[in-house]
């Protein structure tokens, strides 16, 4: 998300941003998670931006809008010889991974590419940005990206709480168990316990 400003031509953007600001405050408190003000603002702007489908989806070869695969974004970044463009691609990768893991994870098919993949890819992209040799205003974003890398998974939990509070998905105990087993999500474990399901320690199989 190179430009943190949403389309000022949309009157509803300010309301959406305020909604996400309040929702994120509550979700972070519920997760006992603290982030810097600039990091919180970055996430709020990211959420408001991706509420516009044209910001999230890209036109494919057939003209139909679709999510660009994270692996393809990473390949584009690695193959790019222009530092500015590589920076933008990595930022896009991190932003999309955070939003998708936070809001669309319940729609993932139960296959190899799952929420843990998005967490790993997004965290690494932000980590690369945190250490990128940039100057000027972008240098201030290095601290934000470092915190996003460090707290990516608990931030995903916070966004999951926002999604569930908005009633966008039904709770699936098997899905929660998969998320907990793959990522160690404290939120998934808490919801499992609340539902009366005690998860086995990660890495241990029941016989």
Protein backbone atom coordinates (compact mmCIF):
# COMPACT_ATOMS: atom_id res chain seq x y z
CA UNK A 1 0.00 0.00 0.00
CA UNK A 2 2.29 2.75 -1.22
CA UNK A 3 -0.25 5.51 -0.84
CA UNK A 4 -1.82 5.48 2.61
CA UNK A 5 -4.60 7.86 1.57
CA UNK A 6 -7.93 6.50 0.43
CA UNK A 7 -9.99 8.03 -2.36
CA UNK A 8 -11.16 11.37 -0.93
CA UNK A 9 -13.89 11.47 -3.55
CA UNK A 10 -15.83 8.85 -1.58
CA UNK A 11 -17.78 10.43 1.25
CA UNK A 12 -18.06 7.09 3.07
CA UNK A 13 -14.29 6.55 3.35
CA UNK A 14 -13.97 8.66 6.51
CA UNK A 15 -16.77 6.65 8.15
CA UNK A 16 -15.19 3.36 7.13
CA UNK A 17 -11.85 4.48 8.51
CA UNK A 18 -13.40 5.54 11.80
CA UNK A 19 -15.23 2.22 12.04
CA UNK A 20 -12.02 0.28 11.56
CA UNK A 21 -10.15 2.52 13.99
CA UNK A 22 -12.65 1.81 16.76
CA UNK A 23 -12.95 -1.87 15.84
CA UNK A 24 -9.18 -2.31 15.79
CA UNK A 25 -8.85 -0.60 19.18
CA UNK A 26 -11.31 -3.06 20.67
CA UNK A 27 -9.78 -6.08 18.94
CA UNK A 28 -6.24 -5.19 20.04
CA UNK A 29 -7.46 -4.76 23.62
CA UNK A 30 -9.20 -8.13 23.42
CA UNK A 31 -5.97 -9.73 22.23
CA UNK A 32 -3.93 -7.88 24.91
CA UNK A 33 -1.82 -6.63 22.04
CA UNK A 34 -0.18 -3.23 21.86
CA UNK A 35 1.17 -1.66 18.69
CA UNK A 36 2.61 1.75 17.89
CA UNK A 37 0.21 4.49 16.82
CA UNK A 38 1.72 4.60 13.34
CA UNK A 39 1.34 0.83 12.97
CA UNK A 40 -2.29 1.02 14.04
CA UNK A 41 -2.92 3.82 11.57
CA UNK A 42 -1.26 1.82 8.80
CA UNK A 43 -3.54 -1.16 9.45
CA UNK A 44 -6.64 1.07 9.62
CA UNK A 45 -5.80 2.64 6.26
CA UNK A 46 -5.05 -0.79 4.79
CA UNK A 47 -8.47 -2.11 5.87
CA UNK A 48 -10.29 0.97 4.55
CA UNK A 49 -8.47 0.74 1.23
CA UNK A 50 -9.25 -2.95 0.68
CA UNK A 51 -12.94 -2.37 1.31
CA UNK A 52 -12.87 -1.19 -2.30
CA UNK A 53 -12.73 -4.37 -4.36
CA UNK A 54 -10.73 -2.72 -7.14
CA UNK A 55 -7.92 -2.12 -4.62
CA UNK A 56 -7.77 -5.79 -3.61
CA UNK A 57 -8.42 -7.63 -6.87
CA UNK A 58 -6.42 -7.28 -10.07
CA UNK A 59 -7.58 -7.96 -13.65
CA UNK A 60 -6.35 -11.31 -14.94
CA UNK A 61 -5.42 -12.34 -18.51
CA UNK A 62 -9.10 -13.07 -19.23
CA UNK A 63 -10.16 -9.66 -17.96
CA UNK A 64 -11.78 -11.04 -14.82
CA UNK A 65 -10.73 -9.61 -11.46
CA UNK A 66 -8.93 -12.01 -9.12
CA UNK A 67 -6.44 -12.06 -6.26
CA UNK A 68 -2.90 -12.21 -7.57
CA UNK A 69 -1.17 -15.22 -5.95
CA UNK A 70 1.36 -14.30 -3.28
CA UNK A 71 3.95 -16.58 -4.86
CA UNK A 72 3.65 -14.66 -8.12
CA UNK A 73 4.04 -11.34 -6.31
CA UNK A 74 7.15 -12.67 -4.60
CA UNK A 75 8.56 -13.91 -7.90
CA UNK A 76 7.93 -10.50 -9.45
CA UNK A 77 9.70 -8.80 -6.55
CA UNK A 78 12.72 -11.09 -6.75
CA UNK A 79 13.00 -10.65 -10.50
CA UNK A 80 12.64 -6.87 -10.37
CA UNK A 81 15.83 -4.88 -10.93
CA UNK A 82 14.21 -1.58 -9.95
CA UNK A 83 14.39 -0.99 -6.18
CA UNK A 84 11.35 1.29 -6.16
CA UNK A 85 9.14 -1.22 -7.93
CA UNK A 86 10.43 -4.11 -5.79
CA UNK A 87 9.53 -2.10 -2.67
CA UNK A 88 5.99 -1.51 -3.94
CA UNK A 89 5.50 -5.18 -4.84
CA UNK A 90 6.69 -6.38 -1.42
CA UNK A 91 4.41 -3.87 0.26
CA UNK A 92 1.50 -5.11 -1.82
CA UNK A 93 2.39 -8.69 -0.88
CA UNK A 94 2.46 -7.93 2.84
CA UNK A 95 -0.74 -5.91 2.74
CA UNK A 96 -2.72 -8.48 0.77
CA UNK A 97 -1.47 -11.34 2.95
CA UNK A 98 -2.50 -9.52 6.14
CA UNK A 99 -5.95 -8.62 4.83
CA UNK A 100 -6.68 -12.04 3.36
CA UNK A 101 -5.50 -13.92 6.47
CA UNK A 102 -7.49 -11.54 8.67
CA UNK A 103 -10.76 -11.39 6.75
CA UNK A 104 -10.92 -14.21 4.22
CA UNK A 105 -9.24 -17.09 6.04
CA UNK A 106 -12.49 -18.97 6.68
CA UNK A 107 -12.91 -19.21 2.92
CA UNK A 108 -9.57 -20.93 2.33
CA UNK A 109 -9.93 -24.46 0.97
CA UNK A 110 -8.39 -27.05 3.27
CA UNK A 111 -5.32 -27.53 1.10
CA UNK A 112 -1.63 -26.85 1.28
CA UNK A 113 -1.98 -23.09 0.73
CA UNK A 114 -3.55 -21.95 3.96
CA UNK A 115 -3.51 -19.26 6.61
CA UNK A 116 -0.03 -20.19 7.86
CA UNK A 117 1.28 -19.69 4.33
CA UNK A 118 -0.20 -16.19 4.21
CA UNK A 119 1.21 -15.38 7.65
CA UNK A 120 4.68 -16.56 6.65
CA UNK A 121 4.67 -14.78 3.28
CA UNK A 122 3.28 -11.55 4.66
CA UNK A 123 5.63 -11.47 7.62
CA UNK A 124 8.67 -12.04 5.42
CA UNK A 125 7.59 -9.33 2.99
CA UNK A 126 7.24 -6.80 5.80
CA UNK A 127 10.58 -7.95 7.21
CA UNK A 128 12.28 -7.29 3.88
CA UNK A 129 10.71 -3.83 3.80
CA UNK A 130 11.85 -3.10 7.35
CA UNK A 131 15.47 -3.66 6.26
CA UNK A 132 15.21 -2.09 2.80
CA UNK A 133 17.81 0.63 2.12
CA UNK A 134 15.40 3.55 1.73
CA UNK A 135 15.60 7.22 2.64
CA UNK A 136 13.22 10.07 3.31
CA UNK A 137 9.61 9.55 4.49
CA UNK A 138 9.76 5.83 3.78
CA UNK A 139 12.50 5.42 6.36
CA UNK A 140 9.89 6.15 9.04
CA UNK A 141 7.83 3.22 7.75
CA UNK A 142 10.69 0.82 8.52
CA UNK A 143 9.64 0.75 12.18
CA UNK A 144 6.04 0.06 11.17
CA UNK A 145 7.05 -2.78 8.89
CA UNK A 146 9.29 -4.27 11.57
CA UNK A 147 6.37 -4.34 14.01
CA UNK A 148 4.04 -5.79 11.39
CA UNK A 149 6.56 -8.58 10.81
CA UNK A 150 6.99 -9.24 14.52
CA UNK A 151 3.26 -9.19 15.35
CA UNK A 152 1.77 -10.46 12.10
CA UNK A 153 0.07 -13.53 13.56
CA UNK A 154 -1.54 -11.79 16.59
CA UNK A 155 -2.65 -8.98 14.28
CA UNK A 156 -4.35 -11.60 12.13
CA UNK A 157 -6.15 -12.77 15.28
CA UNK A 158 -7.30 -9.19 15.93
CA UNK A 159 -8.62 -8.86 12.38
CA UNK A 160 -10.39 -12.22 12.76
CA UNK A 161 -12.18 -10.76 15.78
CA UNK A 162 -13.29 -7.73 13.75
CA UNK A 163 -14.56 -10.02 10.99
CA UNK A 164 -16.49 -12.22 13.39
CA UNK A 165 -17.98 -9.24 15.22
CA UNK A 166 -19.30 -8.02 11.87
CA UNK A 167 -21.01 -11.40 11.42
CA UNK A 168 -19.21 -12.22 8.20
CA UNK A 169 -18.69 -15.92 8.89
CA UNK A 170 -19.87 -18.83 11.02
CA UNK A 171 -17.51 -20.42 13.48
CA UNK A 172 -16.18 -23.78 12.35
CA UNK A 173 -14.56 -25.77 15.14
CA UNK A 174 -12.52 -27.95 12.80
CA UNK A 175 -11.32 -24.84 10.98
CA UNK A 176 -10.39 -23.19 14.29
CA UNK A 177 -8.43 -26.27 15.28
CA UNK A 178 -6.56 -26.22 11.97
CA UNK A 179 -5.73 -22.54 12.40
CA UNK A 180 -4.50 -23.13 15.96
CA UNK A 181 -2.46 -26.18 14.96
CA UNK A 182 -0.83 -24.45 11.99
CA UNK A 183 -0.11 -21.04 13.56
CA UNK A 184 -0.35 -21.34 17.35
CA UNK A 185 -3.06 -18.65 17.32
CA UNK A 186 -4.03 -17.79 20.90
CA UNK A 187 -7.37 -16.55 19.63
CA UNK A 188 -8.20 -19.88 17.96
CA UNK A 189 -7.21 -21.75 21.13
CA UNK A 190 -9.36 -19.46 23.27
CA UNK A 191 -12.40 -19.98 21.04
CA UNK A 192 -11.85 -23.74 21.03
CA UNK A 193 -11.70 -23.78 24.83
CA UNK A 194 -14.82 -21.62 25.01
CA UNK A 195 -16.59 -24.21 22.84
CA UNK A 196 -15.44 -27.01 25.13
CA UNK A 197 -12.70 -28.31 22.84
CA UNK A 198 -9.30 -28.76 24.51
CA UNK A 199 -6.61 -28.76 21.80
CA UNK A 200 -3.66 -31.14 22.10
CA UNK A 201 -0.24 -29.51 22.44
CA UNK A 202 1.05 -28.51 19.02
CA UNK A 203 3.08 -31.24 17.36
CA UNK A 204 1.54 -33.99 19.46
CA UNK A 205 -0.81 -36.53 17.90
CA UNK A 206 -3.48 -38.42 19.70
CA UNK A 207 -3.19 -42.21 19.47
